[in-house]
Amino acid sequence: MEQCTFEGTWEEILLHASELIGRRVKLTVLPSENLQSKNEVTLNQVLEGRVGRIQFQPPNLSDQTGEAFTQLLADKYESSRLSQ
């Protein structure tokens, strides 16, 4: 694939995810001049169905990302250890 440009909302860019797997990308976030608050998407909504396991509590996931990732790794290690 030669160099190309995708422009649109985050949701529109995500439609091209399969084309971008394994490729280096550069993302520039443009000012949201015409976007209304009803079009805003939370991190929970973006990750829903795309991540193996994330508990969406509290709604501000950034406060517990490290803890959630640590727990996910611990669970994976434990399940792999038990299956041996």
PDB file of N, CA and C in Angstrom:
ATOM      1  N   MET A   1       0.860  -1.177   0.000  1.00  0.00           N
ATOM      2  CA  MET A   1       0.000   0.000   0.000  1.00  0.00           C
ATOM      3  C   MET A   1       0.898   1.229   0.000  1.00  0.00           C
ATOM      4  N   GLU A   2       0.675   2.114  -0.922  1.00  0.00           N
ATOM      5  CA  GLU A   2       1.452   3.342  -0.947  1.00  0.00           C
ATOM      6  C   GLU A   2       0.903   4.311   0.097  1.00  0.00           C
ATOM      7  N   GLN A   3       1.614   5.402   0.309  1.00  0.00           N
ATOM      8  CA  GLN A   3       1.188   6.386   1.297  1.00  0.00           C
ATOM      9  C   GLN A   3      -0.161   6.961   0.890  1.00  0.00           C
ATOM     10  N   CYS A   4      -1.072   7.041   1.847  1.00  0.00           N
ATOM     11  CA  CYS A   4      -2.393   7.608   1.575  1.00  0.00           C
ATOM     12  C   CYS A   4      -2.850   8.392   2.799  1.00  0.00           C
ATOM     13  N   THR A   5      -3.900   9.169   2.628  1.00  0.00           N
ATOM     14  CA  THR A   5      -4.418  10.008   3.698  1.00  0.00           C
ATOM     15  C   THR A   5      -5.869   9.651   3.962  1.00  0.00           C
ATOM     16  N   PHE A   6      -6.211   9.471   5.230  1.00  0.00           N
ATOM     17  CA  PHE A   6      -7.583   9.249   5.653  1.00  0.00           C
ATOM     18  C   PHE A   6      -7.986  10.469   6.478  1.00  0.00           C
ATOM     19  N   GLU A   7      -9.147  10.996   6.215  1.00  0.00           N
ATOM     20  CA  GLU A   7      -9.628  12.131   6.996  1.00  0.00           C
ATOM     21  C   GLU A   7     -11.087  11.904   7.318  1.00  0.00           C
ATOM     22  N   GLY A   8     -11.455  12.189   8.545  1.00  0.00           N
ATOM     23  CA  GLY A   8     -12.835  12.027   8.976  1.00  0.00           C
ATOM     24  C   GLY A   8     -12.877  11.963  10.491  1.00  0.00           C
ATOM     25  N   THR A   9     -14.018  11.558  11.014  1.00  0.00           N
ATOM     26  CA  THR A   9     -14.138  11.394  12.461  1.00  0.00           C
ATOM     27  C   THR A   9     -13.417  10.118  12.859  1.00  0.00           C
ATOM     28  N   TRP A  10     -13.191   9.952  14.147  1.00  0.00           N
ATOM     29  CA  TRP A  10     -12.515   8.753  14.639  1.00  0.00           C
ATOM     30  C   TRP A  10     -13.259   7.497  14.197  1.00  0.00           C
ATOM     31  N   GLU A  11     -14.573   7.549  14.262  1.00  0.00           N
ATOM     32  CA  GLU A  11     -15.376   6.398  13.864  1.00  0.00           C
ATOM     33  C   GLU A  11     -15.158   6.060  12.387  1.00  0.00           C
ATOM     34  N   GLU A  12     -15.045   7.092  11.549  1.00  0.00           N
ATOM     35  CA  GLU A  12     -14.815   6.872  10.118  1.00  0.00           C
ATOM     36  C   GLU A  12     -13.416   6.307   9.866  1.00  0.00           C
ATOM     37  N   ILE A  13     -12.431   6.765  10.640  1.00  0.00           N
ATOM     38  CA  ILE A  13     -11.062   6.255  10.500  1.00  0.00           C
ATOM     39  C   ILE A  13     -11.012   4.781  10.917  1.00  0.00           C
ATOM     40  N   LEU A  14     -11.746   4.423  11.977  1.00  0.00           N
ATOM     41  CA  LEU A  14     -11.752   3.042  12.450  1.00  0.00           C
ATOM     42  C   LEU A  14     -12.268   2.069  11.399  1.00  0.00           C
ATOM     43  N   LEU A  15     -13.062   2.538  10.468  1.00  0.00           N
ATOM     44  CA  LEU A  15     -13.557   1.666   9.401  1.00  0.00           C
ATOM     45  C   LEU A  15     -12.420   1.155   8.525  1.00  0.00           C
ATOM     46  N   HIS A  16     -11.272   1.813   8.558  1.00  0.00           N
ATOM     47  CA  HIS A  16     -10.113   1.421   7.755  1.00  0.00           C
ATOM     48  C   HIS A  16      -9.079   0.645   8.576  1.00  0.00           C
ATOM     49  N   ALA A  17      -9.431   0.233   9.777  1.00  0.00           N
ATOM     50  CA  ALA A  17      -8.477  -0.425  10.680  1.00  0.00           C
ATOM     51  C   ALA A  17      -7.831  -1.648  10.035  1.00  0.00           C
ATOM     52  N   SER A  18      -8.592  -2.453   9.325  1.00  0.00           N
ATOM     53  CA  SER A  18      -8.019  -3.668   8.741  1.00  0.00           C
ATOM     54  C   SER A  18      -6.960  -3.343   7.689  1.00  0.00           C
ATOM     55  N   GLU A  19      -7.089  -2.220   7.021  1.00  0.00           N
ATOM     56  CA  GLU A  19      -6.099  -1.808   6.017  1.00  0.00           C
ATOM     57  C   GLU A  19      -4.806  -1.321   6.667  1.00  0.00           C
ATOM     58  N   LEU A  20      -4.903  -0.898   7.932  1.00  0.00           N
ATOM     59  CA  LEU A  20      -3.763  -0.265   8.596  1.00  0.00           C
ATOM     60  C   LEU A  20      -3.009  -1.198   9.529  1.00  0.00           C
ATOM     61  N   ILE A  21      -3.470  -2.414   9.691  1.00  0.00           N
ATOM     62  CA  ILE A  21      -2.811  -3.358  10.594  1.00  0.00           C
ATOM     63  C   ILE A  21      -1.364  -3.570  10.147  1.00  0.00           C
ATOM     64  N   GLY A  22      -0.448  -3.422  11.081  1.00  0.00           N
ATOM     65  CA  GLY A  22       0.966  -3.635  10.809  1.00  0.00           C
ATOM     66  C   GLY A  22       1.660  -2.476  10.111  1.00  0.00           C
ATOM     67  N   ARG A  23       0.958  -1.401   9.857  1.00  0.00           N
ATOM     68  CA  ARG A  23       1.543  -0.253   9.166  1.00  0.00           C
ATOM     69  C   ARG A  23       1.840   0.852  10.173  1.00  0.00           C
ATOM     70  N   ARG A  24       2.834   1.657   9.868  1.00  0.00           N
ATOM     71  CA  ARG A  24       3.106   2.847  10.674  1.00  0.00           C
ATOM     72  C   ARG A  24       2.109   3.912  10.246  1.00  0.00           C
ATOM     73  N   VAL A  25       1.558   4.611  11.210  1.00  0.00           N
ATOM     74  CA  VAL A  25       0.594   5.665  10.917  1.00  0.00           C
ATOM     75  C   VAL A  25       0.972   6.926  11.679  1.00  0.00           C
ATOM     76  N   LYS A  26       0.475   8.035  11.199  1.00  0.00           N
ATOM     77  CA  LYS A  26       0.654   9.317  11.881  1.00  0.00           C
ATOM     78  C   LYS A  26      -0.741   9.907  12.014  1.00  0.00           C
ATOM     79  N   LEU A  27      -1.120  10.242  13.216  1.00  0.00           N
ATOM     80  CA  LEU A  27      -2.456  10.756  13.486  1.00  0.00           C
ATOM     81  C   LEU A  27      -2.351  12.214  13.909  1.00  0.00           C
ATOM     82  N   THR A  28      -3.066  13.078  13.218  1.00  0.00           N
ATOM     83  CA  THR A  28      -3.146  14.486  13.584  1.00  0.00           C
ATOM     84  C   THR A  28      -4.590  14.769  13.988  1.00  0.00           C
ATOM     85  N   VAL A  29      -4.790  15.234  15.198  1.00  0.00           N
ATOM     86  CA  VAL A  29      -6.135  15.536  15.676  1.00  0.00           C
ATOM     87  C   VAL A  29      -6.441  16.986  15.331  1.00  0.00           C
ATOM     88  N   LEU A  30      -7.497  17.174  14.563  1.00  0.00           N
ATOM     89  CA  LEU A  30      -7.895  18.508  14.128  1.00  0.00           C
ATOM     90  C   LEU A  30      -8.846  19.132  15.141  1.00  0.00           C
ATOM     91  N   PRO A  31      -8.916  20.458  15.190  1.00  0.00           N
ATOM     92  CA  PRO A  31      -9.876  21.111  16.095  1.00  0.00           C
ATOM     93  C   PRO A  31     -11.296  20.702  15.734  1.00  0.00           C
ATOM     94  N   SER A  32     -12.112  20.505  16.756  1.00  0.00           N
ATOM     95  CA  SER A  32     -13.487  20.060  16.522  1.00  0.00           C
ATOM     96  C   SER A  32     -14.410  21.276  16.380  1.00  0.00           C
ATOM     97  N   GLU A  33     -14.300  21.952  15.274  1.00  0.00           N
ATOM     98  CA  GLU A  33     -15.090  23.164  15.046  1.00  0.00           C
ATOM     99  C   GLU A  33     -16.570  22.857  14.863  1.00  0.00           C
ATOM    100  N   ASN A  34     -16.886  21.845  14.080  1.00  0.00           N
ATOM    101  CA  ASN A  34     -18.280  21.578  13.747  1.00  0.00           C
ATOM    102  C   ASN A  34     -18.872  20.379  14.473  1.00  0.00           C
ATOM    103  N   LEU A  35     -18.112  19.726  15.335  1.00  0.00           N
ATOM    104  CA  LEU A  35     -18.633  18.566  16.041  1.00  0.00           C
ATOM    105  C   LEU A  35     -19.452  19.015  17.242  1.00  0.00           C
ATOM    106  N   GLN A  36     -20.594  18.410  17.404  1.00  0.00           N
ATOM    107  CA  GLN A  36     -21.437  18.717  18.547  1.00  0.00           C
ATOM    108  C   GLN A  36     -21.163  17.699  19.638  1.00  0.00           C
ATOM    109  N   SER A  37     -21.514  18.030  20.867  1.00  0.00           N
ATOM    110  CA  SER A  37     -21.216  17.146  21.989  1.00  0.00           C
ATOM    111  C   SER A  37     -21.891  15.785  21.842  1.00  0.00           C
ATOM    112  N   LYS A  38     -22.997  15.692  21.127  1.00  0.00           N
ATOM    113  CA  LYS A  38     -23.662  14.394  20.968  1.00  0.00           C
ATOM    114  C   LYS A  38     -22.823  13.428  20.132  1.00  0.00           C
ATOM    115  N   ASN A  39     -21.839  13.929  19.378  1.00  0.00           N
ATOM    116  CA  ASN A  39     -20.983  13.079  18.565  1.00  0.00           C
ATOM    117  C   ASN A  39     -19.723  12.631  19.318  1.00  0.00           C
ATOM    118  N   GLU A  40     -19.517  13.132  20.525  1.00  0.00           N
ATOM    119  CA  GLU A  40     -18.334  12.769  21.282  1.00  0.00           C
ATOM    120  C   GLU A  40     -18.445  11.318  21.731  1.00  0.00           C
ATOM    121  N   VAL A  41     -17.328  10.617  21.674  1.00  0.00           N
ATOM    122  CA  VAL A  41     -17.298   9.212  22.015  1.00  0.00           C
ATOM    123  C   VAL A  41     -16.367   9.019  23.194  1.00  0.00           C
ATOM    124  N   THR A  42     -16.787   8.237  24.171  1.00  0.00           N
ATOM    125  CA  THR A  42     -15.940   7.975  25.329  1.00  0.00           C
ATOM    126  C   THR A  42     -14.967   6.848  25.010  1.00  0.00           C
ATOM    127  N   LEU A  43     -13.914   6.753  25.804  1.00  0.00           N
ATOM    128  CA  LEU A  43     -12.945   5.679  25.656  1.00  0.00           C
ATOM    129  C   LEU A  43     -13.628   4.318  25.819  1.00  0.00           C
ATOM    130  N   ASN A  44     -14.583   4.228  26.732  1.00  0.00           N
ATOM    131  CA  ASN A  44     -15.333   2.985  26.925  1.00  0.00           C
ATOM    132  C   ASN A  44     -15.997   2.550  25.625  1.00  0.00           C
ATOM    133  N   GLN A  45     -16.639   3.481  24.928  1.00  0.00           N
ATOM    134  CA  GLN A  45     -17.337   3.156  23.689  1.00  0.00           C
ATOM    135  C   GLN A  45     -16.373   2.736  22.592  1.00  0.00           C
ATOM    136  N   VAL A  46     -15.219   3.386  22.509  1.00  0.00           N
ATOM    137  CA  VAL A  46     -14.243   3.051  21.474  1.00  0.00           C
ATOM    138  C   VAL A  46     -13.670   1.660  21.705  1.00  0.00           C
ATOM    139  N   LEU A  47     -13.377   1.313  22.962  1.00  0.00           N
ATOM    140  CA  LEU A  47     -12.742   0.035  23.264  1.00  0.00           C
ATOM    141  C   LEU A  47     -13.728  -1.125  23.372  1.00  0.00           C
ATOM    142  N   GLU A  48     -15.006  -0.838  23.546  1.00  0.00           N
ATOM    143  CA  GLU A  48     -15.983  -1.903  23.737  1.00  0.00           C
ATOM    144  C   GLU A  48     -15.955  -2.892  22.578  1.00  0.00           C
ATOM    145  N   GLY A  49     -15.779  -4.162  22.892  1.00  0.00           N
ATOM    146  CA  GLY A  49     -15.737  -5.199  21.872  1.00  0.00           C
ATOM    147  C   GLY A  49     -14.387  -5.330  21.187  1.00  0.00           C
ATOM    148  N   ARG A  50     -13.418  -4.484  21.506  1.00  0.00           N
ATOM    149  CA  ARG A  50     -12.112  -4.514  20.847  1.00  0.00           C
ATOM    150  C   ARG A  50     -10.999  -4.979  21.773  1.00  0.00           C
ATOM    151  N   VAL A  51     -11.272  -5.069  23.057  1.00  0.00           N
ATOM    152  CA  VAL A  51     -10.243  -5.414  24.021  1.00  0.00           C
ATOM    153  C   VAL A  51     -10.680  -6.684  24.725  1.00  0.00           C
ATOM    154  N   GLY A  52      -9.726  -7.561  25.015  1.00  0.00           N
ATOM    155  CA  GLY A  52     -10.042  -8.836  25.653  1.00  0.00           C
ATOM    156  C   GLY A  52     -10.861  -8.695  26.910  1.00  0.00           C
ATOM    157  N   ARG A  53     -10.436  -7.842  27.809  1.00  0.00           N
ATOM    158  CA  ARG A  53     -11.179  -7.696  29.056  1.00  0.00           C
ATOM    159  C   ARG A  53     -10.819  -6.362  29.698  1.00  0.00           C
ATOM    160  N   ILE A  54     -11.792  -5.506  29.822  1.00  0.00           N
ATOM    161  CA  ILE A  54     -11.628  -4.240  30.534  1.00  0.00           C
ATOM    162  C   ILE A  54     -12.900  -4.038  31.354  1.00  0.00           C
ATOM    163  N   GLN A  55     -12.746  -3.694  32.587  1.00  0.00           N
ATOM    164  CA  GLN A  55     -13.903  -3.377  33.411  1.00  0.00           C
ATOM    165  C   GLN A  55     -14.093  -1.872  33.351  1.00  0.00           C
ATOM    166  N   PHE A  56     -15.244  -1.436  32.914  1.00  0.00           N
ATOM    167  CA  PHE A  56     -15.496  -0.020  32.683  1.00  0.00           C
ATOM    168  C   PHE A  56     -16.046   0.662  33.926  1.00  0.00           C
ATOM    169  N   GLN A  57     -15.321   0.535  35.009  1.00  0.00           N
ATOM    170  CA  GLN A  57     -15.690   1.202  36.229  1.00  0.00           C
ATOM    171  C   GLN A  57     -14.429   1.714  36.864  1.00  0.00           C
ATOM    172  N   PRO A  58     -14.268   2.895  37.273  1.00  0.00           N
ATOM    173  CA  PRO A  58     -15.178   4.014  37.075  1.00  0.00           C
ATOM    174  C   PRO A  58     -15.172   4.459  35.617  1.00  0.00           C
ATOM    175  N   PRO A  59     -16.130   5.319  35.219  1.00  0.00           N
ATOM    176  CA  PRO A  59     -16.190   5.764  33.828  1.00  0.00           C
ATOM    177  C   PRO A  59     -14.887   6.389  33.343  1.00  0.00           C
ATOM    178  N   ASN A  60     -14.114   6.989  34.223  1.00  0.00           N
ATOM    179  CA  ASN A  60     -12.832   7.572  33.834  1.00  0.00           C
ATOM    180  C   ASN A  60     -11.779   6.471  33.890  1.00  0.00           C
ATOM    181  N   LEU A  61     -11.689   5.683  32.825  1.00  0.00           N
ATOM    182  CA  LEU A  61     -10.822   4.519  32.769  1.00  0.00           C
ATOM    183  C   LEU A  61      -9.353   4.881  32.936  1.00  0.00           C
ATOM    184  N   SER A  62      -8.960   6.082  32.573  1.00  0.00           N
ATOM    185  CA  SER A  62      -7.552   6.460  32.639  1.00  0.00           C
ATOM    186  C   SER A  62      -7.016   6.392  34.067  1.00  0.00           C
ATOM    187  N   ASP A  63      -7.887   6.479  35.061  1.00  0.00           N
ATOM    188  CA  ASP A  63      -7.442   6.396  36.446  1.00  0.00           C
ATOM    189  C   ASP A  63      -6.974   4.999  36.822  1.00  0.00           C
ATOM    190  N   GLN A  64      -7.487   3.965  36.122  1.00  0.00           N
ATOM    191  CA  GLN A  64      -7.169   2.596  36.511  1.00  0.00           C
ATOM    192  C   GLN A  64      -6.618   1.761  35.365  1.00  0.00           C
ATOM    193  N   THR A  65      -6.086   2.378  34.325  1.00  0.00           N
ATOM    194  CA  THR A  65      -5.576   1.625  33.185  1.00  0.00           C
ATOM    195  C   THR A  65      -4.454   0.686  33.602  1.00  0.00           C
ATOM    196  N   GLY A  66      -3.522   1.180  34.373  1.00  0.00           N
ATOM    197  CA  GLY A  66      -2.397   0.351  34.824  1.00  0.00           C
ATOM    198  C   GLY A  66      -2.862  -0.836  35.640  1.00  0.00           C
ATOM    199  N   GLU A  67      -3.791  -0.609  36.549  1.00  0.00           N
ATOM    200  CA  GLU A  67      -4.311  -1.693  37.382  1.00  0.00           C
ATOM    201  C   GLU A  67      -5.061  -2.722  36.538  1.00  0.00           C
ATOM    202  N   ALA A  68      -5.871  -2.260  35.589  1.00  0.00           N
ATOM    203  CA  ALA A  68      -6.635  -3.174  34.735  1.00  0.00           C
ATOM    204  C   ALA A  68      -5.691  -4.016  33.882  1.00  0.00           C
ATOM    205  N   PHE A  69      -4.647  -3.396  33.337  1.00  0.00           N
ATOM    206  CA  PHE A  69      -3.688  -4.119  32.506  1.00  0.00           C
ATOM    207  C   PHE A  69      -2.917  -5.137  33.348  1.00  0.00           C
ATOM    208  N   THR A  70      -2.524  -4.744  34.543  1.00  0.00           N
ATOM    209  CA  THR A  70      -1.816  -5.653  35.440  1.00  0.00           C
ATOM    210  C   THR A  70      -2.685  -6.855  35.779  1.00  0.00           C
ATOM    211  N   GLN A  71      -3.954  -6.617  36.051  1.00  0.00           N
ATOM    212  CA  GLN A  71      -4.878  -7.710  36.381  1.00  0.00           C
ATOM    213  C   GLN A  71      -5.080  -8.625  35.179  1.00  0.00           C
ATOM    214  N   LEU A  72      -5.178  -8.051  33.989  1.00  0.00           N
ATOM    215  CA  LEU A  72      -5.336  -8.836  32.766  1.00  0.00           C
ATOM    216  C   LEU A  72      -4.131  -9.756  32.567  1.00  0.00           C
ATOM    217  N   LEU A  73      -2.919  -9.217  32.743  1.00  0.00           N
ATOM    218  CA  LEU A  73      -1.712 -10.037  32.609  1.00  0.00           C
ATOM    219  C   LEU A  73      -1.662 -11.137  33.668  1.00  0.00           C
ATOM    220  N   ALA A  74      -2.030 -10.799  34.884  1.00  0.00           N
ATOM    221  CA  ALA A  74      -2.034 -11.794  35.956  1.00  0.00           C
ATOM    222  C   ALA A  74      -3.025 -12.912  35.650  1.00  0.00           C
ATOM    223  N   ASP A  75      -4.208 -12.561  35.165  1.00  0.00           N
ATOM    224  CA  ASP A  75      -5.213 -13.563  34.814  1.00  0.00           C
ATOM    225  C   ASP A  75      -4.733 -14.460  33.679  1.00  0.00           C
ATOM    226  N   LYS A  76      -4.109 -13.862  32.668  1.00  0.00           N
ATOM    227  CA  LYS A  76      -3.587 -14.650  31.542  1.00  0.00           C
ATOM    228  C   LYS A  76      -2.489 -15.598  32.015  1.00  0.00           C
ATOM    229  N   TYR A  77      -1.592 -15.107  32.868  1.00  0.00           N
ATOM    230  CA  TYR A  77      -0.524 -15.948  33.398  1.00  0.00           C
ATOM    231  C   TYR A  77      -1.122 -17.113  34.184  1.00  0.00           C
ATOM    232  N   GLU A  78      -2.084 -16.823  35.031  1.00  0.00           N
ATOM    233  CA  GLU A  78      -2.705 -17.851  35.862  1.00  0.00           C
ATOM    234  C   GLU A  78      -3.400 -18.893  35.002  1.00  0.00           C
ATOM    235  N   SER A  79      -4.151 -18.460  33.984  1.00  0.00           N
ATOM    236  CA  SER A  79      -4.849 -19.420  33.126  1.00  0.00           C
ATOM    237  C   SER A  79      -3.874 -20.279  32.322  1.00  0.00           C
ATOM    238  N   SER A  80      -2.761 -19.691  31.873  1.00  0.00           N
ATOM    239  CA  SER A  80      -1.780 -20.470  31.124  1.00  0.00           C
ATOM    240  C   SER A  80      -1.051 -21.456  32.050  1.00  0.00           C
ATOM    241  N   ARG A  81      -0.814 -21.059  33.281  1.00  0.00           N
ATOM    242  CA  ARG A  81      -0.155 -21.921  34.249  1.00  0.00           C
ATOM    243  C   ARG A  81      -1.050 -23.099  34.595  1.00  0.00           C
ATOM    244  N   LEU A  82      -2.357 -22.874  34.731  1.00  0.00           N
ATOM    245  CA  LEU A  82      -3.298 -23.933  35.074  1.00  0.00           C
ATOM    246  C   LEU A  82      -3.517 -24.913  33.922  1.00  0.00           C
ATOM    247  N   SER A  83      -3.373 -24.441  32.695  1.00  0.00           N
ATOM    248  CA  SER A  83      -3.612 -25.310  31.544  1.00  0.00           C
ATOM    249  C   SER A  83      -2.412 -26.193  31.215  1.00  0.00           C
ATOM    250  N   GLN A  84      -1.295 -25.990  31.894  1.00  0.00           N
ATOM    251  CA  GLN A  84      -0.097 -26.797  31.611  1.00  0.00           C
ATOM    252  C   GLN A  84      -0.106 -28.092  32.354  1.00  0.00           C
TER     253      GLN A  84
END
